[in-house]
Amino acid sequence: MAKLFQILLVSLISISFVGTTHAKKKVAEDEVDYLALATRLFQDGHVDRASQALEEVKEGDELDYKHYFVLKGLIALNKKLYVASADAFQSAIEAGNEDPLVFINLGRARFGAKDYRGTVKALERAGPSALKEPKAELLLSQAHWELGEAEQALFVLTRAGSRFPDAIEFARLEMAYLIKLELYQELARQRAKFLARPDVEAGDLVAIGEALRKSGRLDEAQSSLEVARLRFPNNIGLTVQLARVFMDDGKLLSSAIMLEQAARQEEKYFVEAAEMYRRAGRLVRALVINKRIPDQKRKIRQRLQILLELQRFEMIAGMEARLSRLGLLGDQQIRYALAYGFFQTRDFASANKHIAHLTDPAFFEKGIALRKAIESCNQAGWLCE
């Protein structure tokens, strides 16, 4: 559908070539019709070769400029050379080509060049034909939106939505506009209708949930996502998005449960699930989930933090060899955690060994405090019993 306007327009060019063949002078057998060749190459998807062929076209009285500039505009549009494309379509119009598709493609080029007012004007000049093309209506709405004309943008969507009820793009864009405009009452009214569409996709519902979450409408985001999950129970995006909503709402345990469900489909979420269980105070469960993290370095870093909160200092001290093998002792935070674990198990020699490696300002001071605590224990052992 995105290339429909190009296909239709280049087809018109081909038909026109057939219709005007006998009106032109007979071309010598050894002379190449580069405009016809460029058209055929473009039709076959060889854009660069079509561009090269078009460069060989010689200007003159025999050249069909209405079609030449259209093809030039289509090639530039395909290459995302929007300004050049718009200039070519404008030249085609000035040469007498006022086919509605030329104006529609001119609108596309203007939009790509961020000339949104020019987009509106081009589509308006296309006349009623533009209203028959869903993509043209979508483009017109987006142009009005970029111009800050939200009411007109929504009007175009409503008009097009009633004319093309099977095209979800209009409803999808309308939901996005309502969220951005913070028209939440209207959004609530339209949301139920949108959710009921047979062609709605899980990604649409994730986007709505994310927008509501970011706007602070957590209750609405939760209800939307819970309904969506009933429809798409195995969609991981909806599960993760609901976990984010629970987290923002302070429902850390619910967030952890959702992330654990997501992790059963994609292991990368085990890190977040364990972290959320830790933050929810479910440290033992966090430790269990942590075991399933495939990334060993991330797994060990998180495990240390959980063990510190569980005050399982013997286990921390016992991780020294593993941490060294994984090359994690260069991490100052891990060094300090290990030193603290040895301190708590009264292995002061090992604790001092790791304290000596603390050079980062954030941990250097902590290391000094820990060393003073060790000295106090050595001087008055009963203080550390």
Protein backbone atom coordinates (compact mmCIF):
# COMPACT_ATOMS: atom_id res chain seq x y z
CA MET A 1 0.00 0.00 0.00
CA ALA A 2 2.88 2.37 0.73
CA LYS A 3 4.02 2.20 -2.90
CA LEU A 4 0.51 2.15 -4.40
CA PHE A 5 0.64 5.76 -5.55
CA GLN A 6 3.96 5.13 -7.28
CA ILE A 7 2.74 1.96 -8.97
CA LEU A 8 -0.45 3.58 -10.22
CA LEU A 9 1.38 6.64 -11.47
CA VAL A 10 4.13 4.75 -13.26
CA SER A 11 1.46 2.52 -14.82
CA LEU A 12 -0.20 5.62 -16.21
CA ILE A 13 3.14 6.64 -17.68
CA SER A 14 3.47 3.26 -19.43
CA ILE A 15 -0.05 3.47 -20.85
CA SER A 16 0.66 6.96 -22.09
CA PHE A 17 3.78 5.75 -23.88
CA VAL A 18 1.68 3.22 -25.82
CA GLY A 19 -0.90 5.87 -26.67
CA THR A 20 1.62 8.36 -28.02
CA THR A 21 3.97 6.02 -29.85
CA HIS A 22 2.42 6.63 -33.26
CA ALA A 23 2.29 10.35 -32.70
CA LYS A 24 6.06 10.57 -32.38
CA LYS A 25 8.64 10.40 -35.13
CA LYS A 26 10.02 6.96 -35.81
CA VAL A 27 13.11 6.32 -33.71
CA ALA A 28 16.12 4.86 -35.44
CA GLU A 29 16.66 1.18 -34.72
CA ASP A 30 19.98 1.82 -33.02
CA GLU A 31 18.62 4.63 -30.82
CA VAL A 32 17.57 3.79 -27.25
CA ASP A 33 14.39 5.27 -25.79
CA TYR A 34 15.89 5.98 -22.36
CA LEU A 35 12.65 7.34 -20.90
CA ALA A 36 10.80 4.11 -21.74
CA LEU A 37 13.77 2.10 -20.46
CA ALA A 38 13.91 4.07 -17.20
CA THR A 39 10.17 3.55 -16.72
CA ARG A 40 10.44 -0.20 -17.22
CA LEU A 41 13.43 -0.44 -14.89
CA PHE A 42 11.58 1.50 -12.19
CA GLN A 43 8.54 -0.75 -12.59
CA ASP A 44 10.78 -3.77 -12.07
CA GLY A 45 12.25 -2.27 -8.90
CA HIS A 46 15.66 -1.33 -10.29
CA VAL A 47 15.64 2.23 -8.95
CA ASP A 48 19.36 3.01 -9.33
CA ARG A 49 19.46 1.68 -12.88
CA ALA A 50 16.29 3.62 -13.70
CA SER A 51 17.97 6.76 -12.38
CA GLN A 52 21.01 6.14 -14.57
CA ALA A 53 18.84 5.59 -17.63
CA LEU A 54 16.90 8.76 -16.94
CA GLU A 55 20.14 10.74 -16.89
CA GLU A 56 20.68 9.69 -20.51
CA VAL A 57 17.41 11.25 -21.64
CA LYS A 58 18.05 14.18 -23.97
CA GLU A 59 15.88 17.25 -23.64
CA GLY A 60 14.11 18.52 -26.73
CA ASP A 61 10.80 19.05 -28.44
CA GLU A 62 10.11 15.35 -28.64
CA LEU A 63 10.51 14.73 -24.89
CA ASP A 64 7.30 14.11 -22.95
CA TYR A 65 8.11 16.36 -19.99
CA LYS A 66 4.86 15.55 -18.16
CA HIS A 67 6.02 11.97 -17.81
CA TYR A 68 9.73 12.67 -17.55
CA PHE A 69 9.33 14.81 -14.46
CA VAL A 70 6.87 12.38 -12.86
CA LEU A 71 9.36 9.54 -13.21
CA LYS A 72 12.13 11.77 -11.92
CA GLY A 73 9.97 12.64 -8.91
CA LEU A 74 9.15 8.99 -8.21
CA ILE A 75 12.79 7.95 -8.33
CA ALA A 76 13.81 10.78 -5.98
CA LEU A 77 10.93 9.92 -3.64
CA ASN A 78 12.04 6.30 -3.57
CA LYS A 79 15.53 7.46 -2.62
CA LYS A 80 14.09 9.75 0.08
CA LEU A 81 15.39 12.84 -1.72
CA TYR A 82 12.25 14.69 -0.77
CA VAL A 83 13.10 18.23 -1.88
CA ALA A 84 14.29 17.04 -5.30
CA SER A 85 11.20 14.85 -5.59
CA ALA A 86 8.85 17.73 -4.80
CA ASP A 87 10.62 19.95 -7.34
CA ALA A 88 10.23 17.27 -10.02
CA PHE A 89 6.52 16.76 -9.35
CA GLN A 90 6.02 20.52 -9.40
CA SER A 91 7.76 20.65 -12.80
CA ALA A 92 5.46 17.89 -14.07
CA ILE A 93 2.44 19.94 -13.00
CA GLU A 94 3.84 23.04 -14.69
CA ALA A 95 4.33 20.93 -17.83
CA GLY A 96 0.60 20.21 -17.82
CA ASN A 97 0.31 16.95 -15.85
CA GLU A 98 -2.50 17.48 -13.37
CA ASP A 99 -3.33 13.87 -12.65
CA PRO A 100 -4.53 13.59 -9.01
CA LEU A 101 -1.84 11.00 -8.33
CA VAL A 102 0.83 13.57 -9.16
CA PHE A 103 -0.55 15.89 -6.47
CA ILE A 104 -0.78 13.02 -3.97
CA ASN A 105 2.85 12.09 -4.57
CA LEU A 106 3.79 15.76 -4.38
CA GLY A 107 2.11 15.76 -0.95
CA ARG A 108 4.21 12.76 0.10
CA ALA A 109 7.38 14.51 -1.02
CA ARG A 110 6.44 17.73 0.77
CA PHE A 111 5.72 15.76 3.95
CA GLY A 112 9.09 14.04 3.75
CA ALA A 113 10.70 17.47 3.39
CA LYS A 114 8.76 18.61 6.50
CA ASP A 115 6.83 21.13 4.40
CA TYR A 116 3.55 20.30 6.08
CA ARG A 117 1.61 23.29 4.75
CA GLY A 118 2.79 22.34 1.27
CA THR A 119 1.56 18.80 1.96
CA VAL A 120 -1.94 20.04 2.79
CA LYS A 121 -2.07 22.27 -0.30
CA ALA A 122 -0.92 19.46 -2.59
CA LEU A 123 -3.49 17.01 -1.25
CA GLU A 124 -6.24 19.61 -1.49
CA ARG A 125 -5.35 20.15 -5.15
CA ALA A 126 -5.71 16.41 -5.73
CA GLY A 127 -9.42 16.98 -5.18
CA PRO A 128 -11.95 14.23 -4.43
CA SER A 129 -9.49 11.59 -5.65
CA ALA A 130 -7.43 12.09 -2.48
CA LEU A 131 -10.48 11.28 -0.37
CA LYS A 132 -10.67 7.89 -2.08
CA GLU A 133 -7.15 6.93 -0.99
CA PRO A 134 -6.74 5.87 2.68
CA LYS A 135 -3.01 6.67 2.64
CA ALA A 136 -3.67 10.17 1.33
CA GLU A 137 -6.16 10.82 4.12
CA LEU A 138 -3.69 9.50 6.68
CA LEU A 139 -1.01 11.79 5.29
CA LEU A 140 -3.37 14.78 5.38
CA SER A 141 -4.20 14.13 9.04
CA GLN A 142 -0.53 13.84 9.96
CA ALA A 143 0.28 17.07 8.13
CA HIS A 144 -2.43 18.96 10.04
CA TRP A 145 -1.12 17.46 13.29
CA GLU A 146 2.43 18.59 12.56
CA LEU A 147 1.07 22.08 11.88
CA GLY A 148 -0.54 22.13 15.33
CA GLU A 149 -4.02 21.83 13.85
CA ALA A 150 -5.17 19.01 16.12
CA GLU A 151 -8.90 19.58 15.61
CA GLN A 152 -8.53 19.36 11.84
CA ALA A 153 -6.28 16.31 12.16
CA LEU A 154 -8.93 14.51 14.20
CA PHE A 155 -11.67 15.62 11.80
CA VAL A 156 -9.82 14.04 8.87
CA LEU A 157 -9.40 10.80 10.84
CA THR A 158 -13.09 10.68 11.76
CA ARG A 159 -14.10 11.33 8.15
CA ALA A 160 -11.71 8.73 6.80
CA GLY A 161 -12.58 6.21 9.52
CA SER A 162 -16.25 6.29 8.54
CA ARG A 163 -15.34 5.97 4.87
CA PHE A 164 -12.83 3.16 5.41
CA PRO A 165 -14.09 1.26 8.48
CA ASP A 166 -11.87 -1.73 7.74
CA ALA A 167 -8.66 0.33 7.85
CA ILE A 168 -7.32 0.24 11.42
CA GLU A 169 -4.71 2.94 10.72
CA PHE A 170 -7.22 5.74 11.35
CA ALA A 171 -8.39 4.37 14.70
CA ARG A 172 -4.79 3.67 15.68
CA LEU A 173 -3.69 7.24 14.93
CA GLU A 174 -6.77 8.69 16.62
CA MET A 175 -5.91 6.87 19.84
CA ALA A 176 -2.37 8.25 19.68
CA TYR A 177 -3.65 11.80 19.19
CA LEU A 178 -6.12 11.54 22.06
CA ILE A 179 -3.34 10.39 24.38
CA LYS A 180 -1.03 13.21 23.32
CA LEU A 181 -3.84 15.74 23.76
CA GLU A 182 -4.63 14.24 27.19
CA LEU A 183 -8.28 13.86 26.21
CA TYR A 184 -8.68 10.90 28.53
CA GLN A 185 -12.47 10.90 28.71
CA GLU A 186 -12.71 10.66 24.94
CA LEU A 187 -9.92 8.10 25.00
CA ALA A 188 -11.87 5.98 27.49
CA ARG A 189 -14.92 6.19 25.23
CA GLN A 190 -13.00 5.22 22.10
CA ARG A 191 -10.78 2.65 23.78
CA ALA A 192 -13.49 0.04 24.29
CA LYS A 193 -14.48 0.30 20.63
CA PHE A 194 -10.85 0.05 19.60
CA LEU A 195 -10.23 -3.02 21.78
CA ALA A 196 -13.24 -4.71 20.21
CA ARG A 197 -11.85 -4.41 16.68
CA PRO A 198 -11.05 -7.82 15.19
CA ASP A 199 -7.93 -6.44 13.50
CA VAL A 200 -6.38 -4.82 16.58
CA GLU A 201 -2.87 -6.09 17.30
CA ALA A 202 -1.12 -6.66 20.59
CA GLY A 203 1.39 -3.97 19.69
CA ASP A 204 -1.42 -1.41 19.51
CA LEU A 205 -2.49 -2.27 23.02
CA VAL A 206 1.07 -2.17 24.32
CA ALA A 207 1.43 1.33 22.89
CA ILE A 208 -1.80 2.51 24.55
CA GLY A 209 -0.76 1.01 27.88
CA GLU A 210 2.68 2.63 27.66
CA ALA A 211 1.21 6.04 26.81
CA LEU A 212 -1.25 5.85 29.71
CA ARG A 213 1.53 4.74 32.05
CA LYS A 214 3.78 7.63 31.06
CA SER A 215 0.93 10.08 31.53
CA GLY A 216 0.35 8.77 35.06
CA ARG A 217 -3.04 7.19 34.29
CA LEU A 218 -2.01 3.98 36.01
CA ASP A 219 -5.49 2.64 36.80
CA GLU A 220 -6.57 3.07 33.18
CA ALA A 221 -3.33 1.57 31.93
CA GLN A 222 -3.77 -1.44 34.20
CA SER A 223 -7.37 -2.08 33.19
CA SER A 224 -6.52 -1.75 29.47
CA LEU A 225 -3.59 -4.11 29.71
CA GLU A 226 -5.46 -6.68 31.78
CA VAL A 227 -8.26 -6.77 29.18
CA ALA A 228 -5.65 -6.95 26.43
CA ARG A 229 -3.93 -9.92 28.10
CA LEU A 230 -7.20 -11.83 28.08
CA ARG A 231 -7.20 -11.46 24.33
CA PHE A 232 -3.46 -12.01 23.82
CA PRO A 233 -2.48 -14.18 26.83
CA ASN A 234 0.90 -15.18 25.42
CA ASN A 235 2.07 -11.74 24.30
CA ILE A 236 5.19 -10.92 26.26
CA GLY A 237 5.01 -7.19 25.47
CA LEU A 238 1.67 -6.85 27.27
CA THR A 239 2.97 -8.81 30.27
CA VAL A 240 6.08 -6.64 30.59
CA GLN A 241 4.07 -3.45 30.12
CA LEU A 242 1.68 -4.49 32.89
CA ALA A 243 4.69 -5.19 35.12
CA ARG A 244 5.92 -1.62 34.46
CA VAL A 245 2.52 -0.24 35.43
CA PHE A 246 2.50 -2.26 38.67
CA MET A 247 6.01 -1.04 39.45
CA ASP A 248 5.08 2.62 38.93
CA ASP A 249 2.03 2.09 41.13
CA GLY A 250 4.16 0.67 43.95
CA LYS A 251 2.76 -2.85 43.50
CA LEU A 252 6.21 -4.41 43.47
CA LEU A 253 5.17 -8.00 44.18
CA SER A 254 2.60 -7.94 41.36
CA SER A 255 5.28 -6.49 39.09
CA ALA A 256 7.68 -9.26 40.07
CA ILE A 257 5.08 -11.95 39.31
CA MET A 258 4.44 -10.46 35.85
CA LEU A 259 8.15 -10.27 35.09
CA GLU A 260 8.63 -13.86 36.21
CA GLN A 261 5.90 -14.88 33.75
CA ALA A 262 7.65 -12.92 31.01
CA ALA A 263 10.97 -14.56 31.89
CA ARG A 264 9.49 -17.98 31.19
CA GLN A 265 9.25 -16.85 27.56
CA GLU A 266 12.41 -14.73 27.41
CA GLU A 267 15.19 -15.43 29.90
CA LYS A 268 16.47 -11.86 29.85
CA TYR A 269 13.60 -10.84 32.16
CA PHE A 270 14.86 -13.04 35.01
CA VAL A 271 17.20 -10.21 36.04
CA GLU A 272 14.30 -7.75 36.37
CA ALA A 273 12.05 -10.32 38.03
CA ALA A 274 14.67 -11.11 40.70
CA GLU A 275 15.31 -7.40 41.24
CA MET A 276 11.62 -6.71 41.69
CA TYR A 277 11.27 -9.59 44.18
CA ARG A 278 14.24 -8.13 46.06
CA ARG A 279 12.68 -4.68 46.15
CA ALA A 280 9.39 -6.24 47.30
CA GLY A 281 11.23 -7.80 50.24
CA ARG A 282 10.84 -11.37 48.94
CA LEU A 283 14.55 -12.07 49.20
CA VAL A 284 14.42 -15.87 49.17
CA ARG A 285 12.26 -15.84 46.05
CA ALA A 286 14.65 -13.31 44.51
CA LEU A 287 17.52 -15.71 45.20
CA VAL A 288 15.64 -18.59 43.54
CA ILE A 289 14.88 -16.53 40.43
CA ASN A 290 18.46 -15.25 40.36
CA LYS A 291 19.70 -18.80 39.80
CA ARG A 292 18.00 -18.85 36.40
CA ILE A 293 19.76 -15.77 34.98
CA PRO A 294 21.83 -16.90 31.98
CA ASP A 295 24.30 -13.98 32.06
CA GLN A 296 26.79 -15.11 34.70
CA LYS A 297 28.24 -11.68 35.46
CA ARG A 298 24.85 -10.01 35.93
CA LYS A 299 23.73 -13.03 37.92
CA ILE A 300 26.66 -12.82 40.36
CA ARG A 301 26.39 -9.05 40.86
CA GLN A 302 22.73 -9.34 41.72
CA ARG A 303 23.29 -12.42 43.87
CA LEU A 304 25.80 -10.55 46.03
CA GLN A 305 23.31 -7.80 46.71
CA ILE A 306 20.59 -10.27 47.68
CA LEU A 307 22.95 -12.22 49.94
CA LEU A 308 24.04 -9.00 51.68
CA GLU A 309 20.41 -8.19 52.47
CA LEU A 310 19.87 -11.76 53.68
CA GLN A 311 23.05 -11.38 55.79
CA ARG A 312 24.44 -14.64 54.43
CA PHE A 313 28.01 -13.53 54.80
CA GLU A 314 29.54 -17.01 54.69
CA MET A 315 28.05 -17.52 51.23
CA ILE A 316 29.45 -14.17 50.10
CA ALA A 317 32.93 -15.06 51.33
CA GLY A 318 32.66 -18.40 49.60
CA MET A 319 32.15 -16.67 46.24
CA GLU A 320 35.70 -15.26 46.08
CA ALA A 321 37.11 -17.86 43.68
CA ARG A 322 34.12 -17.64 41.37
CA LEU A 323 34.24 -13.86 41.28
CA SER A 324 37.92 -14.00 40.41
CA ARG A 325 37.32 -16.57 37.67
CA LEU A 326 34.64 -14.34 36.10
CA GLY A 327 36.93 -11.32 36.20
CA LEU A 328 34.59 -9.37 38.49
CA LEU A 329 37.07 -8.38 41.17
CA GLY A 330 37.87 -5.25 39.19
CA ASP A 331 34.40 -3.99 40.13
CA GLN A 332 34.85 -1.84 43.25
CA GLN A 333 31.35 -2.53 44.50
CA ILE A 334 31.96 -6.27 44.33
CA ARG A 335 35.35 -5.87 46.05
CA TYR A 336 33.71 -4.00 48.92
CA ALA A 337 30.88 -6.55 49.23
CA LEU A 338 33.46 -9.33 49.40
CA ALA A 339 35.54 -7.43 51.98
CA TYR A 340 32.42 -6.85 54.07
CA GLY A 341 31.49 -10.54 53.84
CA PHE A 342 34.92 -11.56 55.12
CA PHE A 343 34.69 -8.96 57.90
CA GLN A 344 31.38 -10.36 59.08
CA THR A 345 32.82 -13.90 59.11
CA ARG A 346 35.80 -12.55 61.12
CA ASP A 347 38.33 -13.39 58.39
CA PHE A 348 40.05 -10.03 58.83
CA ALA A 349 43.12 -10.94 56.79
CA SER A 350 41.03 -11.65 53.69
CA ALA A 351 38.92 -8.56 54.34
CA ASN A 352 42.05 -6.35 54.48
CA LYS A 353 43.34 -7.94 51.27
CA HIS A 354 40.27 -6.73 49.38
CA ILE A 355 40.12 -3.37 51.16
CA ALA A 356 43.60 -2.65 49.80
CA HIS A 357 42.15 -2.71 46.26
CA LEU A 358 39.48 -0.09 46.97
CA THR A 359 40.66 3.05 45.18
CA ASP A 360 37.43 4.52 43.89
CA PRO A 361 36.42 7.53 46.08
CA ALA A 362 32.93 6.09 46.58
CA PHE A 363 34.36 2.94 48.15
CA PHE A 364 37.73 4.16 49.45
CA GLU A 365 36.05 5.88 52.42
CA LYS A 366 33.97 2.80 53.11
CA GLY A 367 37.14 0.73 53.03
CA ILE A 368 38.80 3.03 55.62
CA ALA A 369 35.75 2.70 57.90
CA LEU A 370 35.82 -1.08 57.51
CA ARG A 371 39.56 -1.19 58.30
CA LYS A 372 38.96 0.87 61.48
CA ALA A 373 36.25 -1.59 62.48
CA ILE A 374 38.71 -4.44 62.01
CA GLU A 375 41.30 -2.64 64.18
CA SER A 376 38.67 -2.12 66.89
CA CYS A 377 37.84 -5.83 66.79
CA ASN A 378 41.51 -6.75 67.07
CA GLN A 379 42.02 -4.41 70.05
CA ALA A 380 38.83 -5.38 71.85
CA GLY A 381 37.64 -8.66 70.49
CA TRP A 382 34.58 -8.75 72.73
CA LEU A 383 33.14 -5.84 70.70
CA CYS A 384 32.87 -8.04 67.65
CA GLU A 385 31.46 -11.19 69.22
